[in-house]
Amino acid sequence: SLICTVEPSIAAVDDATIYAHLSSIIEDGETAP
């Protein structure tokens, strides 16, 4: 069996792409929903 010794350092999808795809509402002055 393989054991992952070093996990990926970045996410598979960046936050901005996820928020846009989900049509997340981000209030003025905020950086995330």
PDB file of all heavy atoms in Angstrom:
ATOM      1  N   SER A   1       0.849  -1.187   0.000  1.00  0.00           N
ATOM      2  CA  SER A   1       0.000   0.000   0.000  1.00  0.00           C
ATOM      3  C   SER A   1       0.881   1.231   0.000  1.00  0.00           C
ATOM      4  O   SER A   1       1.963   1.240   0.573  1.00  0.00           O
ATOM      5  CB  SER A   1      -0.921   0.007   1.212  1.00  0.00           C
ATOM      6  OG  SER A   1      -0.163   0.026   2.395  1.00  0.00           O
ATOM      7  N   LEU A   2       0.420   2.236  -0.679  1.00  0.00           N
ATOM      8  CA  LEU A   2       1.139   3.500  -0.737  1.00  0.00           C
ATOM      9  C   LEU A   2       0.712   4.384   0.421  1.00  0.00           C
ATOM     10  O   LEU A   2      -0.455   4.415   0.796  1.00  0.00           O
ATOM     11  CB  LEU A   2       0.847   4.223  -2.048  1.00  0.00           C
ATOM     12  CG  LEU A   2       1.333   3.551  -3.313  1.00  0.00           C
ATOM     13  CD1 LEU A   2       0.838   4.316  -4.542  1.00  0.00           C
ATOM     14  CD2 LEU A   2       2.840   3.466  -3.329  1.00  0.00           C
ATOM     15  N   ILE A   3       1.662   5.111   0.977  1.00  0.00           N
ATOM     16  CA  ILE A   3       1.374   6.055   2.046  1.00  0.00           C
ATOM     17  C   ILE A   3       1.869   7.413   1.588  1.00  0.00           C
ATOM     18  O   ILE A   3       3.030   7.576   1.215  1.00  0.00           O
ATOM     19  CB  ILE A   3       2.073   5.646   3.357  1.00  0.00           C
ATOM     20  CG1 ILE A   3       1.544   4.293   3.816  1.00  0.00           C
ATOM     21  CG2 ILE A   3       1.867   6.710   4.425  1.00  0.00           C
ATOM     22  CD1 ILE A   3       2.293   3.712   4.981  1.00  0.00           C
ATOM     23  N   CYS A   4       0.989   8.375   1.608  1.00  0.00           N
ATOM     24  CA  CYS A   4       1.352   9.731   1.189  1.00  0.00           C
ATOM     25  C   CYS A   4       2.169  10.374   2.309  1.00  0.00           C
ATOM     26  O   CYS A   4       1.686  10.524   3.431  1.00  0.00           O
ATOM     27  CB  CYS A   4       0.103  10.555   0.897  1.00  0.00           C
ATOM     28  SG  CYS A   4       0.464  12.158   0.173  1.00  0.00           S
ATOM     29  N   THR A   5       3.416  10.716   2.009  1.00  0.00           N
ATOM     30  CA  THR A   5       4.287  11.318   3.019  1.00  0.00           C
ATOM     31  C   THR A   5       4.276  12.835   2.955  1.00  0.00           C
ATOM     32  O   THR A   5       4.570  13.492   3.946  1.00  0.00           O
ATOM     33  CB  THR A   5       5.733  10.811   2.867  1.00  0.00           C
ATOM     34  OG1 THR A   5       6.191  11.104   1.549  1.00  0.00           O
ATOM     35  CG2 THR A   5       5.810   9.319   3.113  1.00  0.00           C
ATOM     36  N   VAL A   6       3.960  13.397   1.799  1.00  0.00           N
ATOM     37  CA  VAL A   6       3.851  14.845   1.654  1.00  0.00           C
ATOM     38  C   VAL A   6       2.593  15.153   0.856  1.00  0.00           C
ATOM     39  O   VAL A   6       2.508  14.832  -0.322  1.00  0.00           O
ATOM     40  CB  VAL A   6       5.089  15.443   0.935  1.00  0.00           C
ATOM     41  CG1 VAL A   6       4.930  16.942   0.767  1.00  0.00           C
ATOM     42  CG2 VAL A   6       6.365  15.114   1.677  1.00  0.00           C
ATOM     43  N   GLU A   7       1.616  15.741   1.538  1.00  0.00           N
ATOM     44  CA  GLU A   7       0.360  16.103   0.884  1.00  0.00           C
ATOM     45  C   GLU A   7       0.590  17.289  -0.055  1.00  0.00           C
ATOM     46  O   GLU A   7       1.548  18.048   0.119  1.00  0.00           O
ATOM     47  CB  GLU A   7      -0.686  16.482   1.928  1.00  0.00           C
ATOM     48  CG  GLU A   7      -1.182  15.312   2.761  1.00  0.00           C
ATOM     49  CD  GLU A   7      -2.054  14.354   1.980  1.00  0.00           C
ATOM     50  OE1 GLU A   7      -2.640  14.746   0.953  1.00  0.00           O
ATOM     51  OE2 GLU A   7      -2.147  13.199   2.403  1.00  0.00           O
ATOM     52  N   PRO A   8      -0.276  17.475  -1.040  1.00  0.00           N
ATOM     53  CA  PRO A   8      -0.150  18.637  -1.929  1.00  0.00           C
ATOM     54  C   PRO A   8      -0.177  19.937  -1.116  1.00  0.00           C
ATOM     55  O   PRO A   8      -0.897  20.037  -0.122  1.00  0.00           O
ATOM     56  CB  PRO A   8      -1.379  18.546  -2.822  1.00  0.00           C
ATOM     57  CG  PRO A   8      -1.791  17.115  -2.761  1.00  0.00           C
ATOM     58  CD  PRO A   8      -1.406  16.628  -1.397  1.00  0.00           C
ATOM     59  N   SER A   9       0.608  20.908  -1.533  1.00  0.00           N
ATOM     60  CA  SER A   9       0.689  22.166  -0.790  1.00  0.00           C
ATOM     61  C   SER A   9      -0.370  23.181  -1.221  1.00  0.00           C
ATOM     62  O   SER A   9      -0.542  24.210  -0.578  1.00  0.00           O
ATOM     63  CB  SER A   9       2.080  22.780  -0.959  1.00  0.00           C
ATOM     64  OG  SER A   9       2.333  23.021  -2.322  1.00  0.00           O
ATOM     65  N   ILE A  10      -1.075  22.893  -2.300  1.00  0.00           N
ATOM     66  CA  ILE A  10      -2.129  23.789  -2.766  1.00  0.00           C
ATOM     67  C   ILE A  10      -3.430  23.006  -2.911  1.00  0.00           C
ATOM     68  O   ILE A  10      -3.426  21.777  -2.971  1.00  0.00           O
ATOM     69  CB  ILE A  10      -1.763  24.445  -4.118  1.00  0.00           C
ATOM     70  CG1 ILE A  10      -1.547  23.376  -5.196  1.00  0.00           C
ATOM     71  CG2 ILE A  10      -0.552  25.347  -3.982  1.00  0.00           C
ATOM     72  CD1 ILE A  10      -1.367  23.937  -6.585  1.00  0.00           C
ATOM     73  N   ALA A  11      -4.537  23.722  -2.961  1.00  0.00           N
ATOM     74  CA  ALA A  11      -5.838  23.082  -3.143  1.00  0.00           C
ATOM     75  C   ALA A  11      -6.036  22.717  -4.611  1.00  0.00           C
ATOM     76  O   ALA A  11      -5.421  23.302  -5.502  1.00  0.00           O
ATOM     77  CB  ALA A  11      -6.941  24.020  -2.685  1.00  0.00           C
ATOM     78  N   ALA A  12      -6.898  21.757  -4.850  1.00  0.00           N
ATOM     79  CA  ALA A  12      -7.172  21.321  -6.223  1.00  0.00           C
ATOM     80  C   ALA A  12      -7.840  22.429  -7.036  1.00  0.00           C
ATOM     81  O   ALA A  12      -7.665  22.508  -8.246  1.00  0.00           O
ATOM     82  CB  ALA A  12      -8.050  20.078  -6.203  1.00  0.00           C
ATOM     83  N   VAL A  13      -8.600  23.284  -6.367  1.00  0.00           N
ATOM     84  CA  VAL A  13      -9.294  24.402  -7.020  1.00  0.00           C
ATOM     85  C   VAL A  13      -9.128  25.630  -6.121  1.00  0.00           C
ATOM     86  O   VAL A  13      -9.281  25.525  -4.908  1.00  0.00           O
ATOM     87  CB  VAL A  13     -10.800  24.102  -7.196  1.00  0.00           C
ATOM     88  CG1 VAL A  13     -11.510  25.235  -7.893  1.00  0.00           C
ATOM     89  CG2 VAL A  13     -11.021  22.793  -7.917  1.00  0.00           C
ATOM     90  N   ASP A  14      -8.827  26.784  -6.707  1.00  0.00           N
ATOM     91  CA  ASP A  14      -8.649  27.976  -5.878  1.00  0.00           C
ATOM     92  C   ASP A  14     -10.001  28.526  -5.413  1.00  0.00           C
ATOM     93  O   ASP A  14     -11.033  28.290  -6.039  1.00  0.00           O
ATOM     94  CB  ASP A  14      -7.836  29.046  -6.611  1.00  0.00           C
ATOM     95  CG  ASP A  14      -8.563  29.583  -7.813  1.00  0.00           C
ATOM     96  OD1 ASP A  14      -8.508  28.939  -8.867  1.00  0.00           O
ATOM     97  OD2 ASP A  14      -9.186  30.653  -7.682  1.00  0.00           O
ATOM     98  N   ASP A  15      -9.972  29.247  -4.298  1.00  0.00           N
ATOM     99  CA  ASP A  15     -11.197  29.759  -3.688  1.00  0.00           C
ATOM    100  C   ASP A  15     -12.020  30.630  -4.628  1.00  0.00           C
ATOM    101  O   ASP A  15     -13.241  30.500  -4.684  1.00  0.00           O
ATOM    102  CB  ASP A  15     -10.873  30.549  -2.422  1.00  0.00           C
ATOM    103  CG  ASP A  15     -10.358  29.670  -1.294  1.00  0.00           C
ATOM    104  OD1 ASP A  15     -10.561  28.445  -1.354  1.00  0.00           O
ATOM    105  OD2 ASP A  15      -9.761  30.227  -0.354  1.00  0.00           O
ATOM    106  N   ALA A  16     -11.377  31.517  -5.368  1.00  0.00           N
ATOM    107  CA  ALA A  16     -12.108  32.421  -6.260  1.00  0.00           C
ATOM    108  C   ALA A  16     -12.924  31.644  -7.293  1.00  0.00           C
ATOM    109  O   ALA A  16     -14.069  32.003  -7.596  1.00  0.00           O
ATOM    110  CB  ALA A  16     -11.138  33.379  -6.953  1.00  0.00           C
ATOM    111  N   THR A  17     -12.354  30.566  -7.815  1.00  0.00           N
ATOM    112  CA  THR A  17     -13.060  29.747  -8.799  1.00  0.00           C
ATOM    113  C   THR A  17     -14.268  29.068  -8.171  1.00  0.00           C
ATOM    114  O   THR A  17     -15.358  29.031  -8.761  1.00  0.00           O
ATOM    115  CB  THR A  17     -12.113  28.695  -9.403  1.00  0.00           C
ATOM    116  OG1 THR A  17     -11.011  29.362 -10.010  1.00  0.00           O
ATOM    117  CG2 THR A  17     -12.818  27.829 -10.422  1.00  0.00           C
ATOM    118  N   ILE A  18     -14.087  28.540  -6.972  1.00  0.00           N
ATOM    119  CA  ILE A  18     -15.201  27.876  -6.274  1.00  0.00           C
ATOM    120  C   ILE A  18     -16.314  28.877  -5.999  1.00  0.00           C
ATOM    121  O   ILE A  18     -17.486  28.609  -6.267  1.00  0.00           O
ATOM    122  CB  ILE A  18     -14.727  27.241  -4.958  1.00  0.00           C
ATOM    123  CG1 ILE A  18     -13.773  26.087  -5.246  1.00  0.00           C
ATOM    124  CG2 ILE A  18     -15.902  26.764  -4.114  1.00  0.00           C
ATOM    125  CD1 ILE A  18     -13.087  25.546  -4.026  1.00  0.00           C
ATOM    126  N   TYR A  19     -15.958  30.043  -5.441  1.00  0.00           N
ATOM    127  CA  TYR A  19     -16.972  31.045  -5.107  1.00  0.00           C
ATOM    128  C   TYR A  19     -17.731  31.496  -6.350  1.00  0.00           C
ATOM    129  O   TYR A  19     -18.946  31.672  -6.317  1.00  0.00           O
ATOM    130  CB  TYR A  19     -16.347  32.251  -4.413  1.00  0.00           C
ATOM    131  CG  TYR A  19     -15.629  31.922  -3.117  1.00  0.00           C
ATOM    132  CD1 TYR A  19     -14.604  32.723  -2.660  1.00  0.00           C
ATOM    133  CD2 TYR A  19     -15.954  30.803  -2.358  1.00  0.00           C
ATOM    134  CE1 TYR A  19     -13.931  32.445  -1.478  1.00  0.00           C
ATOM    135  CE2 TYR A  19     -15.279  30.501  -1.192  1.00  0.00           C
ATOM    136  CZ  TYR A  19     -14.273  31.329  -0.750  1.00  0.00           C
ATOM    137  OH  TYR A  19     -13.609  31.042   0.410  1.00  0.00           O
ATOM    138  N   ALA A  20     -17.027  31.688  -7.451  1.00  0.00           N
ATOM    139  CA  ALA A  20     -17.682  32.101  -8.692  1.00  0.00           C
ATOM    140  C   ALA A  20     -18.616  31.009  -9.207  1.00  0.00           C
ATOM    141  O   ALA A  20     -19.743  31.292  -9.629  1.00  0.00           O
ATOM    142  CB  ALA A  20     -16.636  32.442  -9.750  1.00  0.00           C
ATOM    143  N   HIS A  21     -18.158  29.765  -9.158  1.00  0.00           N
ATOM    144  CA  HIS A  21     -18.976  28.658  -9.644  1.00  0.00           C
ATOM    145  C   HIS A  21     -20.247  28.495  -8.808  1.00  0.00           C
ATOM    146  O   HIS A  21     -21.311  28.191  -9.345  1.00  0.00           O
ATOM    147  CB  HIS A  21     -18.165  27.365  -9.624  1.00  0.00           C
ATOM    148  CG  HIS A  21     -18.921  26.179 -10.115  1.00  0.00           C
ATOM    149  ND1 HIS A  21     -19.216  25.984 -11.449  1.00  0.00           N
ATOM    150  CD2 HIS A  21     -19.467  25.136  -9.458  1.00  0.00           C
ATOM    151  CE1 HIS A  21     -19.902  24.860 -11.584  1.00  0.00           C
ATOM    152  NE2 HIS A  21     -20.068  24.334 -10.391  1.00  0.00           N
ATOM    153  N   LEU A  22     -20.110  28.693  -7.505  1.00  0.00           N
ATOM    154  CA  LEU A  22     -21.263  28.554  -6.613  1.00  0.00           C
ATOM    155  C   LEU A  22     -22.116  29.814  -6.535  1.00  0.00           C
ATOM    156  O   LEU A  22     -23.114  29.842  -5.830  1.00  0.00           O
ATOM    157  CB  LEU A  22     -20.783  28.182  -5.200  1.00  0.00           C
ATOM    158  CG  LEU A  22     -20.085  26.837  -5.073  1.00  0.00           C
ATOM    159  CD1 LEU A  22     -19.549  26.662  -3.658  1.00  0.00           C
ATOM    160  CD2 LEU A  22     -21.037  25.709  -5.432  1.00  0.00           C
ATOM    161  N   SER A  23     -21.700  30.857  -7.246  1.00  0.00           N
ATOM    162  CA  SER A  23     -22.382  32.167  -7.189  1.00  0.00           C
ATOM    163  C   SER A  23     -22.497  32.648  -5.749  1.00  0.00           C
ATOM    164  O   SER A  23     -23.548  33.129  -5.316  1.00  0.00           O
ATOM    165  CB  SER A  23     -23.766  32.089  -7.836  1.00  0.00           C
ATOM    166  OG  SER A  23     -23.660  31.694  -9.177  1.00  0.00           O
ATOM    167  N   SER A  24     -21.419  32.475  -4.990  1.00  0.00           N
ATOM    168  CA  SER A  24     -21.394  32.897  -3.589  1.00  0.00           C
ATOM    169  C   SER A  24     -21.503  34.412  -3.496  1.00  0.00           C
ATOM    170  O   SER A  24     -20.939  35.146  -4.293  1.00  0.00           O
ATOM    171  CB  SER A  24     -20.094  32.447  -2.912  1.00  0.00           C
ATOM    172  OG  SER A  24     -20.035  31.053  -2.862  1.00  0.00           O
ATOM    173  N   ILE A  25     -22.230  34.859  -2.490  1.00  0.00           N
ATOM    174  CA  ILE A  25     -22.397  36.290  -2.265  1.00  0.00           C
ATOM    175  C   ILE A  25     -21.284  36.756  -1.334  1.00  0.00           C
ATOM    176  O   ILE A  25     -21.136  36.267  -0.220  1.00  0.00           O
ATOM    177  CB  ILE A  25     -23.768  36.593  -1.645  1.00  0.00           C
ATOM    178  CG1 ILE A  25     -24.873  36.174  -2.619  1.00  0.00           C
ATOM    179  CG2 ILE A  25     -23.875  38.067  -1.273  1.00  0.00           C
ATOM    180  CD1 ILE A  25     -26.260  36.230  -2.041  1.00  0.00           C
ATOM    181  N   ILE A  26     -20.484  37.698  -1.829  1.00  0.00           N
ATOM    182  CA  ILE A  26     -19.405  38.266  -1.036  1.00  0.00           C
ATOM    183  C   ILE A  26     -19.744  39.740  -0.819  1.00  0.00           C
ATOM    184  O   ILE A  26     -19.857  40.518  -1.765  1.00  0.00           O
ATOM    185  CB  ILE A  26     -18.045  38.106  -1.743  1.00  0.00           C
ATOM    186  CG1 ILE A  26     -17.756  36.611  -1.961  1.00  0.00           C
ATOM    187  CG2 ILE A  26     -16.938  38.771  -0.938  1.00  0.00           C
ATOM    188  CD1 ILE A  26     -16.478  36.328  -2.722  1.00  0.00           C
ATOM    189  N   GLU A  27     -19.943  40.091   0.445  1.00  0.00           N
ATOM    190  CA  GLU A  27     -20.320  41.467   0.799  1.00  0.00           C
ATOM    191  C   GLU A  27     -19.176  42.434   0.497  1.00  0.00           C
ATOM    192  O   GLU A  27     -18.011  42.043   0.457  1.00  0.00           O
ATOM    193  CB  GLU A  27     -20.685  41.541   2.286  1.00  0.00           C
ATOM    194  CG  GLU A  27     -21.841  40.630   2.696  1.00  0.00           C
ATOM    195  CD  GLU A  27     -23.172  41.029   2.091  1.00  0.00           C
ATOM    196  OE1 GLU A  27     -23.376  42.234   1.829  1.00  0.00           O
ATOM    197  OE2 GLU A  27     -24.002  40.137   1.871  1.00  0.00           O
ATOM    198  N   ASP A  28     -19.513  43.693   0.307  1.00  0.00           N
ATOM    199  CA  ASP A  28     -18.497  44.724   0.056  1.00  0.00           C
ATOM    200  C   ASP A  28     -17.474  44.736   1.189  1.00  0.00           C
ATOM    201  O   ASP A  28     -17.830  44.681   2.365  1.00  0.00           O
ATOM    202  CB  ASP A  28     -19.157  46.101  -0.056  1.00  0.00           C
ATOM    203  CG  ASP A  28     -19.939  46.254  -1.339  1.00  0.00           C
ATOM    204  OD1 ASP A  28     -19.639  45.516  -2.303  1.00  0.00           O
ATOM    205  OD2 ASP A  28     -20.853  47.103  -1.388  1.00  0.00           O
ATOM    206  N   GLY A  29     -16.216  44.782   0.823  1.00  0.00           N
ATOM    207  CA  GLY A  29     -15.143  44.824   1.804  1.00  0.00           C
ATOM    208  C   GLY A  29     -14.724  43.464   2.329  1.00  0.00           C
ATOM    209  O   GLY A  29     -13.740  43.350   3.045  1.00  0.00           O
ATOM    210  N   GLU A  30     -15.447  42.426   1.998  1.00  0.00           N
ATOM    211  CA  GLU A  30     -15.115  41.071   2.439  1.00  0.00           C
ATOM    212  C   GLU A  30     -14.317  40.363   1.355  1.00  0.00           C
ATOM    213  O   GLU A  30     -14.398  40.704   0.182  1.00  0.00           O
ATOM    214  CB  GLU A  30     -16.384  40.274   2.747  1.00  0.00           C
ATOM    215  CG  GLU A  30     -17.230  40.840   3.861  1.00  0.00           C
ATOM    216  CD  GLU A  30     -16.562  40.746   5.215  1.00  0.00           C
ATOM    217  OE1 GLU A  30     -15.890  39.736   5.482  1.00  0.00           O
ATOM    218  OE2 GLU A  30     -16.686  41.699   5.998  1.00  0.00           O
ATOM    219  N   THR A  31     -13.553  39.340   1.744  1.00  0.00           N
ATOM    220  CA  THR A  31     -12.772  38.586   0.765  1.00  0.00           C
ATOM    221  C   THR A  31     -13.332  37.186   0.541  1.00  0.00           C
ATOM    222  O   THR A  31     -12.883  36.483  -0.353  1.00  0.00           O
ATOM    223  CB  THR A  31     -11.305  38.459   1.225  1.00  0.00           C
ATOM    224  OG1 THR A  31     -11.278  37.824   2.510  1.00  0.00           O
ATOM    225  CG2 THR A  31     -10.646  39.827   1.310  1.00  0.00           C
ATOM    226  N   ALA A  32     -14.300  36.776   1.357  1.00  0.00           N
ATOM    227  CA  ALA A  32     -14.885  35.441   1.243  1.00  0.00           C
ATOM    228  C   ALA A  32     -16.342  35.490   1.701  1.00  0.00           C
ATOM    229  O   ALA A  32     -16.723  36.364   2.479  1.00  0.00           O
ATOM    230  CB  ALA A  32     -14.102  34.450   2.096  1.00  0.00           C
ATOM    231  N   PRO A  33     -17.158  34.554   1.235  1.00  0.00           N
ATOM    232  CA  PRO A  33     -18.553  34.516   1.673  1.00  0.00           C
ATOM    233  C   PRO A  33     -18.661  34.044   3.123  1.00  0.00           C
ATOM    234  O   PRO A  33     -17.710  33.509   3.693  1.00  0.00           O
ATOM    235  CB  PRO A  33     -19.202  33.511   0.710  1.00  0.00           C
ATOM    236  CG  PRO A  33     -18.080  32.635   0.282  1.00  0.00           C
ATOM    237  CD  PRO A  33     -16.865  33.504   0.259  1.00  0.00           C
TER     238      PRO A  33
END
